[in-house]
Amino acid sequence: MNEQESIKIESPERARLRELEMEGKFLFHGSGYKIDRLKPRQAHNYPTNSKEEKIPDDKPAVFATPYADTAIFMAVINKPNAPKGSRSGFSHNSNGKHEYRATQGTIEQIHNAKGYVYVFNKEKFKMRSPAEGLSYKAVEPVEVVEVSEADLPDITIKDF
């Protein structure tokens, strides 16, 4: 191994979540808040060219994903951990490639950040797409895993 290469050792927390992901029976929700029971909330989409305009995304729901890394990303990069504001995003393409992005200003705020990944039985959700399930009813997790900045997937630093 040369000096340019580095090894990222997977934490037990991330390994546990990825193990659950491989089972295919669970969905994940990431949050900066410790919550016993997740209740439906109104989610919003923000057009690319606007930081202020927001468009309601479906009815109020609990949103979850089959991808543990996406939930880890959401658990760590959020308002409680980036109180000065954050710009971040992610995408999943049909080839199974996942890309996570955040601005440098966002990354600078999340040192020592922690969050929680909530694990749910998949059958409690209706899959809206291969990457997203919704529950219009309150749901209780079968497991909660505390995660930190060290658990994040690879992130591209990008201004947007």
N, C-alpha and C. Protein backbone atom coordinates (compact mmCIF):
# COMPACT_ATOMS: atom_id res chain seq x y z
N MET A 1 0.85 -1.17 0.00
CA MET A 1 0.00 0.00 0.00
C MET A 1 0.90 1.24 0.00
N ASN A 2 0.59 2.20 -0.88
CA ASN A 2 1.38 3.43 -0.90
C ASN A 2 0.74 4.48 0.00
N GLU A 3 1.39 5.63 0.09
CA GLU A 3 0.92 6.68 1.01
C GLU A 3 -0.42 7.26 0.59
N GLN A 4 -0.77 7.18 -0.69
CA GLN A 4 -2.02 7.75 -1.19
C GLN A 4 -3.24 6.91 -0.80
N GLU A 5 -3.04 5.63 -0.58
CA GLU A 5 -4.15 4.74 -0.27
C GLU A 5 -4.47 4.80 1.22
N SER A 6 -5.74 4.64 1.52
CA SER A 6 -6.13 4.59 2.92
C SER A 6 -7.16 3.48 3.09
N ILE A 7 -7.23 2.99 4.28
CA ILE A 7 -8.18 1.94 4.59
C ILE A 7 -9.23 2.53 5.53
N LYS A 8 -10.49 2.36 5.16
CA LYS A 8 -11.57 2.80 6.04
C LYS A 8 -12.11 1.57 6.74
N ILE A 9 -11.98 1.54 8.03
CA ILE A 9 -12.45 0.41 8.81
C ILE A 9 -13.91 0.65 9.15
N GLU A 10 -14.74 -0.33 8.84
CA GLU A 10 -16.17 -0.19 9.09
C GLU A 10 -16.47 -0.38 10.57
N SER A 11 -17.22 0.55 11.13
CA SER A 11 -17.59 0.47 12.54
C SER A 11 -18.58 -0.68 12.76
N PRO A 12 -18.68 -1.16 13.98
CA PRO A 12 -19.69 -2.20 14.28
C PRO A 12 -21.12 -1.72 13.98
N GLU A 13 -21.38 -0.43 14.17
CA GLU A 13 -22.71 0.12 13.92
C GLU A 13 -23.06 0.06 12.43
N ARG A 14 -22.13 0.52 11.61
CA ARG A 14 -22.39 0.49 10.16
C ARG A 14 -22.46 -0.96 9.66
N ALA A 15 -21.60 -1.82 10.18
CA ALA A 15 -21.62 -3.23 9.79
C ALA A 15 -22.98 -3.86 10.15
N ARG A 16 -23.51 -3.54 11.32
CA ARG A 16 -24.80 -4.07 11.74
C ARG A 16 -25.90 -3.61 10.79
N LEU A 17 -25.91 -2.33 10.44
CA LEU A 17 -26.94 -1.81 9.55
C LEU A 17 -26.83 -2.43 8.16
N ARG A 18 -25.62 -2.60 7.66
CA ARG A 18 -25.44 -3.20 6.33
C ARG A 18 -25.84 -4.68 6.35
N GLU A 19 -25.63 -5.34 7.47
CA GLU A 19 -26.07 -6.73 7.62
C GLU A 19 -27.60 -6.81 7.54
N LEU A 20 -28.28 -5.91 8.23
CA LEU A 20 -29.75 -5.86 8.17
C LEU A 20 -30.23 -5.53 6.76
N GLU A 21 -29.52 -4.62 6.09
CA GLU A 21 -29.87 -4.27 4.71
C GLU A 21 -29.82 -5.50 3.81
N MET A 22 -28.79 -6.30 3.96
CA MET A 22 -28.62 -7.48 3.12
C MET A 22 -29.75 -8.50 3.32
N GLU A 23 -30.38 -8.50 4.47
CA GLU A 23 -31.50 -9.42 4.72
C GLU A 23 -32.71 -9.08 3.86
N GLY A 24 -32.84 -7.79 3.48
CA GLY A 24 -33.95 -7.38 2.62
C GLY A 24 -35.30 -7.30 3.29
N LYS A 25 -35.35 -7.40 4.61
CA LYS A 25 -36.62 -7.38 5.35
C LYS A 25 -36.89 -6.06 6.05
N PHE A 26 -35.95 -5.13 5.94
CA PHE A 26 -36.04 -3.92 6.74
C PHE A 26 -35.91 -2.66 5.89
N LEU A 27 -36.47 -1.57 6.43
CA LEU A 27 -36.26 -0.23 5.89
C LEU A 27 -35.64 0.61 7.00
N PHE A 28 -34.98 1.70 6.60
CA PHE A 28 -34.20 2.52 7.54
C PHE A 28 -34.61 3.98 7.42
N HIS A 29 -34.58 4.67 8.55
CA HIS A 29 -34.87 6.10 8.61
C HIS A 29 -33.80 6.75 9.48
N GLY A 30 -33.13 7.77 8.96
CA GLY A 30 -32.10 8.46 9.73
C GLY A 30 -32.59 9.78 10.28
N SER A 31 -32.21 10.09 11.52
CA SER A 31 -32.63 11.33 12.16
C SER A 31 -31.56 11.78 13.16
N GLY A 32 -31.49 13.08 13.35
CA GLY A 32 -30.61 13.62 14.37
C GLY A 32 -31.25 13.60 15.75
N TYR A 33 -32.49 13.16 15.81
CA TYR A 33 -33.24 13.14 17.06
C TYR A 33 -33.49 11.71 17.54
N LYS A 34 -33.47 11.54 18.85
CA LYS A 34 -33.81 10.25 19.48
C LYS A 34 -35.33 10.23 19.65
N ILE A 35 -35.98 9.26 19.02
CA ILE A 35 -37.44 9.20 18.99
C ILE A 35 -37.88 7.76 19.29
N ASP A 36 -38.91 7.60 20.10
CA ASP A 36 -39.41 6.26 20.41
C ASP A 36 -40.32 5.71 19.31
N ARG A 37 -41.15 6.59 18.78
CA ARG A 37 -42.14 6.20 17.77
C ARG A 37 -42.18 7.30 16.73
N LEU A 38 -42.01 6.95 15.47
CA LEU A 38 -42.02 7.95 14.42
C LEU A 38 -43.44 8.15 13.90
N LYS A 39 -43.84 9.41 13.82
CA LYS A 39 -45.17 9.77 13.36
C LYS A 39 -45.07 10.38 11.97
N PRO A 40 -46.12 10.24 11.17
CA PRO A 40 -46.11 10.85 9.84
C PRO A 40 -45.89 12.36 9.93
N ARG A 41 -45.05 12.86 9.05
CA ARG A 41 -44.75 14.30 8.95
C ARG A 41 -44.80 14.68 7.48
N GLN A 42 -45.07 15.95 7.23
CA GLN A 42 -45.08 16.43 5.85
C GLN A 42 -43.65 16.66 5.37
N ALA A 43 -43.25 15.93 4.37
CA ALA A 43 -41.93 16.13 3.75
C ALA A 43 -42.09 17.12 2.60
N HIS A 44 -40.99 17.77 2.24
CA HIS A 44 -41.00 18.74 1.16
C HIS A 44 -39.83 18.50 0.22
N ASN A 45 -40.05 18.85 -1.03
CA ASN A 45 -38.97 18.89 -2.01
C ASN A 45 -38.65 20.35 -2.28
N TYR A 46 -37.38 20.62 -2.53
CA TYR A 46 -36.93 21.97 -2.81
C TYR A 46 -36.38 21.99 -4.23
N PRO A 47 -36.97 22.80 -5.13
CA PRO A 47 -36.44 22.87 -6.49
C PRO A 47 -34.96 23.25 -6.47
N THR A 48 -34.22 22.76 -7.44
CA THR A 48 -32.77 22.99 -7.50
C THR A 48 -32.42 24.47 -7.48
N ASN A 49 -33.23 25.30 -8.12
CA ASN A 49 -32.90 26.72 -8.24
C ASN A 49 -33.44 27.57 -7.10
N SER A 50 -34.02 26.96 -6.08
CA SER A 50 -34.61 27.73 -4.99
C SER A 50 -34.27 27.12 -3.64
N LYS A 51 -33.81 27.97 -2.73
CA LYS A 51 -33.55 27.50 -1.37
C LYS A 51 -34.77 27.69 -0.48
N GLU A 52 -35.72 28.51 -0.94
CA GLU A 52 -36.84 28.86 -0.08
C GLU A 52 -38.15 28.22 -0.49
N GLU A 53 -38.40 28.07 -1.80
CA GLU A 53 -39.64 27.45 -2.24
C GLU A 53 -39.64 25.98 -1.86
N LYS A 54 -40.73 25.52 -1.30
CA LYS A 54 -40.81 24.10 -0.97
C LYS A 54 -42.14 23.55 -1.46
N ILE A 55 -42.08 22.33 -1.95
CA ILE A 55 -43.24 21.67 -2.53
C ILE A 55 -43.56 20.44 -1.69
N PRO A 56 -44.80 20.31 -1.20
CA PRO A 56 -45.14 19.12 -0.41
C PRO A 56 -44.88 17.83 -1.19
N ASP A 57 -44.34 16.85 -0.52
CA ASP A 57 -44.03 15.54 -1.10
C ASP A 57 -45.04 14.54 -0.56
N ASP A 58 -46.11 14.28 -1.34
CA ASP A 58 -47.15 13.32 -0.96
C ASP A 58 -47.87 13.80 0.30
N LYS A 59 -48.58 12.91 0.93
CA LYS A 59 -49.26 13.20 2.20
C LYS A 59 -48.25 13.04 3.33
N PRO A 60 -48.58 13.53 4.54
CA PRO A 60 -47.68 13.27 5.67
C PRO A 60 -47.44 11.77 5.83
N ALA A 61 -46.18 11.41 6.03
CA ALA A 61 -45.80 10.00 6.12
C ALA A 61 -44.48 9.88 6.86
N VAL A 62 -44.17 8.67 7.27
CA VAL A 62 -42.82 8.32 7.73
C VAL A 62 -42.13 7.77 6.49
N PHE A 63 -41.01 8.38 6.12
CA PHE A 63 -40.26 7.97 4.94
C PHE A 63 -39.10 7.09 5.37
N ALA A 64 -38.85 6.03 4.62
CA ALA A 64 -37.75 5.12 4.94
C ALA A 64 -37.17 4.56 3.65
N THR A 65 -35.97 4.05 3.75
CA THR A 65 -35.24 3.55 2.58
C THR A 65 -34.68 2.15 2.86
N PRO A 66 -34.51 1.35 1.81
CA PRO A 66 -33.86 0.06 2.01
C PRO A 66 -32.34 0.16 2.10
N TYR A 67 -31.79 1.37 1.95
CA TYR A 67 -30.34 1.58 1.93
C TYR A 67 -29.84 2.14 3.26
N ALA A 68 -29.09 1.35 3.98
CA ALA A 68 -28.57 1.77 5.29
C ALA A 68 -27.71 3.02 5.17
N ASP A 69 -26.86 3.11 4.13
CA ASP A 69 -25.99 4.28 3.99
C ASP A 69 -26.78 5.57 3.82
N THR A 70 -27.91 5.50 3.14
CA THR A 70 -28.74 6.70 2.98
C THR A 70 -29.29 7.14 4.33
N ALA A 71 -29.72 6.21 5.13
CA ALA A 71 -30.23 6.55 6.47
C ALA A 71 -29.11 7.09 7.36
N ILE A 72 -27.92 6.54 7.25
CA ILE A 72 -26.77 7.06 8.01
C ILE A 72 -26.50 8.50 7.60
N PHE A 73 -26.50 8.76 6.29
CA PHE A 73 -26.29 10.11 5.76
C PHE A 73 -27.32 11.08 6.35
N MET A 74 -28.59 10.68 6.35
CA MET A 74 -29.65 11.54 6.89
C MET A 74 -29.55 11.70 8.41
N ALA A 75 -29.06 10.68 9.09
CA ALA A 75 -28.94 10.73 10.55
C ALA A 75 -27.85 11.69 11.00
N VAL A 76 -26.82 11.86 10.18
CA VAL A 76 -25.67 12.69 10.57
C VAL A 76 -25.74 14.09 9.97
N ILE A 77 -26.19 14.20 8.73
CA ILE A 77 -26.24 15.52 8.07
C ILE A 77 -27.68 16.02 8.14
N ASN A 78 -27.91 16.92 9.10
CA ASN A 78 -29.25 17.43 9.35
C ASN A 78 -29.16 18.70 10.20
N LYS A 79 -30.29 19.30 10.47
CA LYS A 79 -30.34 20.56 11.21
C LYS A 79 -29.71 20.50 12.61
N PRO A 80 -29.98 19.49 13.42
CA PRO A 80 -29.35 19.46 14.75
C PRO A 80 -27.81 19.43 14.68
N ASN A 81 -27.27 18.76 13.68
CA ASN A 81 -25.82 18.63 13.57
C ASN A 81 -25.17 19.73 12.73
N ALA A 82 -25.97 20.44 11.95
CA ALA A 82 -25.46 21.54 11.13
C ALA A 82 -26.35 22.76 11.35
N PRO A 83 -26.27 23.36 12.55
CA PRO A 83 -27.19 24.44 12.91
C PRO A 83 -27.03 25.72 12.08
N LYS A 84 -25.89 25.89 11.41
CA LYS A 84 -25.69 27.08 10.57
C LYS A 84 -26.33 26.90 9.20
N GLY A 85 -26.93 25.75 8.96
CA GLY A 85 -27.54 25.45 7.67
C GLY A 85 -26.71 24.42 6.93
N SER A 86 -27.38 23.64 6.12
CA SER A 86 -26.66 22.62 5.37
C SER A 86 -27.22 22.50 3.97
N ARG A 87 -26.35 22.10 3.07
CA ARG A 87 -26.75 21.78 1.69
C ARG A 87 -26.18 20.40 1.42
N SER A 88 -27.06 19.47 1.15
CA SER A 88 -26.62 18.11 0.88
C SER A 88 -27.67 17.42 0.02
N GLY A 89 -27.29 16.28 -0.52
CA GLY A 89 -28.23 15.52 -1.32
C GLY A 89 -27.66 14.15 -1.64
N PHE A 90 -28.49 13.34 -2.22
CA PHE A 90 -28.05 12.01 -2.62
C PHE A 90 -28.89 11.56 -3.80
N SER A 91 -28.37 10.58 -4.52
CA SER A 91 -29.11 10.00 -5.64
C SER A 91 -28.77 8.52 -5.73
N HIS A 92 -29.71 7.79 -6.30
CA HIS A 92 -29.55 6.36 -6.52
C HIS A 92 -29.91 6.12 -7.98
N ASN A 93 -28.99 5.53 -8.75
CA ASN A 93 -29.35 5.27 -10.14
C ASN A 93 -29.76 3.82 -10.34
N SER A 94 -30.24 3.51 -11.53
CA SER A 94 -30.77 2.17 -11.81
C SER A 94 -29.69 1.10 -11.80
N ASN A 95 -28.42 1.49 -11.86
CA ASN A 95 -27.31 0.52 -11.80
C ASN A 95 -26.93 0.18 -10.37
N GLY A 96 -27.64 0.75 -9.41
CA GLY A 96 -27.35 0.46 -8.01
C GLY A 96 -26.27 1.35 -7.41
N LYS A 97 -25.81 2.36 -8.16
CA LYS A 97 -24.78 3.27 -7.65
C LYS A 97 -25.46 4.36 -6.83
N HIS A 98 -24.89 4.64 -5.68
CA HIS A 98 -25.41 5.67 -4.79
C HIS A 98 -24.37 6.78 -4.70
N GLU A 99 -24.82 8.02 -4.79
CA GLU A 99 -23.91 9.15 -4.67
C GLU A 99 -24.43 10.08 -3.58
N TYR A 100 -23.53 10.47 -2.69
CA TYR A 100 -23.86 11.37 -1.59
C TYR A 100 -23.04 12.64 -1.75
N ARG A 101 -23.69 13.82 -1.58
CA ARG A 101 -23.04 15.10 -1.79
C ARG A 101 -23.33 16.04 -0.62
N ALA A 102 -22.37 16.91 -0.34
CA ALA A 102 -22.57 17.96 0.67
C ALA A 102 -21.58 19.08 0.39
N THR A 103 -21.93 20.28 0.83
CA THR A 103 -21.01 21.40 0.67
C THR A 103 -19.92 21.32 1.74
N GLN A 104 -18.82 22.00 1.48
CA GLN A 104 -17.73 22.05 2.45
C GLN A 104 -18.22 22.64 3.77
N GLY A 105 -19.06 23.69 3.68
CA GLY A 105 -19.60 24.31 4.89
C GLY A 105 -20.43 23.35 5.73
N THR A 106 -21.11 22.46 5.08
CA THR A 106 -21.89 21.44 5.80
C THR A 106 -20.96 20.46 6.50
N ILE A 107 -19.98 19.96 5.76
CA ILE A 107 -19.03 18.97 6.31
C ILE A 107 -18.29 19.55 7.51
N GLU A 108 -17.94 20.83 7.46
CA GLU A 108 -17.19 21.46 8.56
C GLU A 108 -17.99 21.50 9.86
N GLN A 109 -19.31 21.42 9.77
CA GLN A 109 -20.15 21.50 10.98
C GLN A 109 -20.41 20.15 11.65
N ILE A 110 -20.12 19.05 10.97
CA ILE A 110 -20.59 17.77 11.50
C ILE A 110 -19.53 16.97 12.25
N HIS A 111 -18.40 17.59 12.57
CA HIS A 111 -17.41 16.88 13.37
C HIS A 111 -18.01 16.58 14.75
N ASN A 112 -17.83 15.38 15.21
CA ASN A 112 -18.39 14.90 16.48
C ASN A 112 -19.91 14.77 16.46
N ALA A 113 -20.50 14.81 15.27
CA ALA A 113 -21.95 14.68 15.15
C ALA A 113 -22.38 13.23 15.36
N LYS A 114 -23.59 13.09 15.87
CA LYS A 114 -24.17 11.75 15.98
C LYS A 114 -25.63 11.83 15.58
N GLY A 115 -26.19 10.68 15.30
CA GLY A 115 -27.59 10.59 14.92
C GLY A 115 -28.07 9.17 15.15
N TYR A 116 -29.27 8.90 14.68
CA TYR A 116 -29.90 7.61 14.95
C TYR A 116 -30.50 7.05 13.67
N VAL A 117 -30.26 5.77 13.45
CA VAL A 117 -30.90 5.07 12.34
C VAL A 117 -31.95 4.15 12.94
N TYR A 118 -33.18 4.36 12.50
CA TYR A 118 -34.32 3.57 12.95
C TYR A 118 -34.56 2.45 11.95
N VAL A 119 -34.68 1.24 12.45
CA VAL A 119 -34.86 0.06 11.61
C VAL A 119 -36.32 -0.40 11.75
N PHE A 120 -36.99 -0.55 10.61
CA PHE A 120 -38.41 -0.93 10.60
C PHE A 120 -38.63 -2.20 9.79
N ASN A 121 -39.66 -2.95 10.17
CA ASN A 121 -40.09 -4.07 9.33
C ASN A 121 -40.63 -3.50 8.03
N LYS A 122 -40.14 -4.03 6.93
CA LYS A 122 -40.50 -3.53 5.61
C LYS A 122 -42.00 -3.62 5.34
N GLU A 123 -42.67 -4.65 5.88
CA GLU A 123 -44.09 -4.84 5.57
C GLU A 123 -44.98 -3.74 6.15
N LYS A 124 -44.45 -2.90 7.02
CA LYS A 124 -45.22 -1.78 7.58
C LYS A 124 -45.28 -0.59 6.62
N PHE A 125 -44.55 -0.68 5.49
CA PHE A 125 -44.42 0.43 4.55
C PHE A 125 -44.91 0.04 3.16
N LYS A 126 -45.36 1.04 2.42
CA LYS A 126 -45.70 0.88 1.00
C LYS A 126 -44.52 1.43 0.21
N MET A 127 -43.94 0.62 -0.67
CA MET A 127 -42.81 1.08 -1.46
C MET A 127 -43.31 2.01 -2.57
N ARG A 128 -42.80 3.25 -2.57
CA ARG A 128 -43.16 4.22 -3.60
C ARG A 128 -42.22 4.10 -4.78
N SER A 129 -41.00 3.67 -4.51
CA SER A 129 -39.99 3.45 -5.54
C SER A 129 -39.03 2.41 -4.96
N PRO A 130 -38.09 1.92 -5.76
CA PRO A 130 -37.14 0.95 -5.20
C PRO A 130 -36.31 1.52 -4.05
N ALA A 131 -36.22 2.86 -3.96
CA ALA A 131 -35.38 3.48 -2.94
C ALA A 131 -36.15 4.08 -1.77
N GLU A 132 -37.50 4.00 -1.79
CA GLU A 132 -38.25 4.72 -0.77
C GLU A 132 -39.58 4.05 -0.44
N GLY A 133 -39.80 3.90 0.86
CA GLY A 133 -41.07 3.39 1.35
C GLY A 133 -41.74 4.42 2.24
N LEU A 134 -43.07 4.39 2.31
CA LEU A 134 -43.82 5.34 3.12
C LEU A 134 -44.79 4.59 4.03
N SER A 135 -44.94 5.10 5.24
CA SER A 135 -45.98 4.64 6.14
C SER A 135 -46.82 5.85 6.51
N TYR A 136 -48.11 5.75 6.28
CA TYR A 136 -49.01 6.85 6.62
C TYR A 136 -49.49 6.75 8.07
N LYS A 137 -49.00 5.75 8.78
CA LYS A 137 -49.32 5.56 10.20
C LYS A 137 -48.03 5.64 11.01
N ALA A 138 -48.16 5.96 12.29
CA ALA A 138 -46.99 5.97 13.18
C ALA A 138 -46.40 4.56 13.25
N VAL A 139 -45.08 4.49 13.35
CA VAL A 139 -44.40 3.19 13.39
C VAL A 139 -43.34 3.19 14.49
N GLU A 140 -43.17 2.03 15.10
CA GLU A 140 -42.13 1.85 16.11
C GLU A 140 -41.00 1.04 15.52
N PRO A 141 -39.76 1.45 15.76
CA PRO A 141 -38.63 0.70 15.21
C PRO A 141 -38.43 -0.63 15.93
N VAL A 142 -37.88 -1.59 15.19
CA VAL A 142 -37.50 -2.86 15.81
C VAL A 142 -36.10 -2.76 16.40
N GLU A 143 -35.35 -1.73 15.95
CA GLU A 143 -34.00 -1.51 16.46
C GLU A 143 -33.62 -0.06 16.18
N VAL A 144 -32.80 0.51 17.04
CA VAL A 144 -32.26 1.86 16.85
C VAL A 144 -30.75 1.76 16.98
N VAL A 145 -30.04 2.30 15.99
CA VAL A 145 -28.58 2.25 15.99
C VAL A 145 -28.04 3.67 15.99
N GLU A 146 -27.23 4.01 17.00
CA GLU A 146 -26.59 5.32 17.04
C GLU A 146 -25.41 5.32 16.08
N VAL A 147 -25.34 6.36 15.24
CA VAL A 147 -24.26 6.48 14.26
C VAL A 147 -23.57 7.83 14.42
N SER A 148 -22.40 7.95 13.80
CA SER A 148 -21.62 9.19 13.90
C SER A 148 -21.00 9.52 12.55
N GLU A 149 -20.29 10.62 12.51
CA GLU A 149 -19.60 11.05 11.29
C GLU A 149 -18.73 9.93 10.73
N ALA A 150 -18.12 9.14 11.58
CA ALA A 150 -17.23 8.06 11.13
C ALA A 150 -17.97 6.98 10.34
N ASP A 151 -19.29 6.90 10.48
CA ASP A 151 -20.08 5.88 9.80
C ASP A 151 -20.55 6.32 8.41
N LEU A 152 -20.35 7.58 8.07
CA LEU A 152 -20.86 8.10 6.80
C LEU A 152 -20.27 7.35 5.60
N PRO A 153 -21.08 7.20 4.55
CA PRO A 153 -20.53 6.68 3.30
C PRO A 153 -19.63 7.75 2.67
N ASP A 154 -18.94 7.42 1.60
CA ASP A 154 -18.11 8.41 0.91
C ASP A 154 -19.00 9.54 0.39
N ILE A 155 -18.55 10.77 0.62
CA ILE A 155 -19.32 11.96 0.23
C ILE A 155 -18.49 12.80 -0.71
N THR A 156 -19.11 13.26 -1.79
CA THR A 156 -18.48 14.20 -2.71
C THR A 156 -18.72 15.60 -2.18
N ILE A 157 -17.65 16.38 -2.03
CA ILE A 157 -17.78 17.78 -1.61
C ILE A 157 -18.14 18.57 -2.86
N LYS A 158 -19.26 19.29 -2.79
CA LYS A 158 -19.76 19.97 -3.99
C LYS A 158 -20.52 21.22 -3.59
N ASP A 159 -20.34 22.29 -4.34
CA ASP A 159 -21.15 23.49 -4.13
C ASP A 159 -22.41 23.38 -4.97
N PHE A 160 -23.54 23.66 -4.35
CA PHE A 160 -24.81 23.67 -5.09
C PHE A 160 -25.82 24.49 -4.33
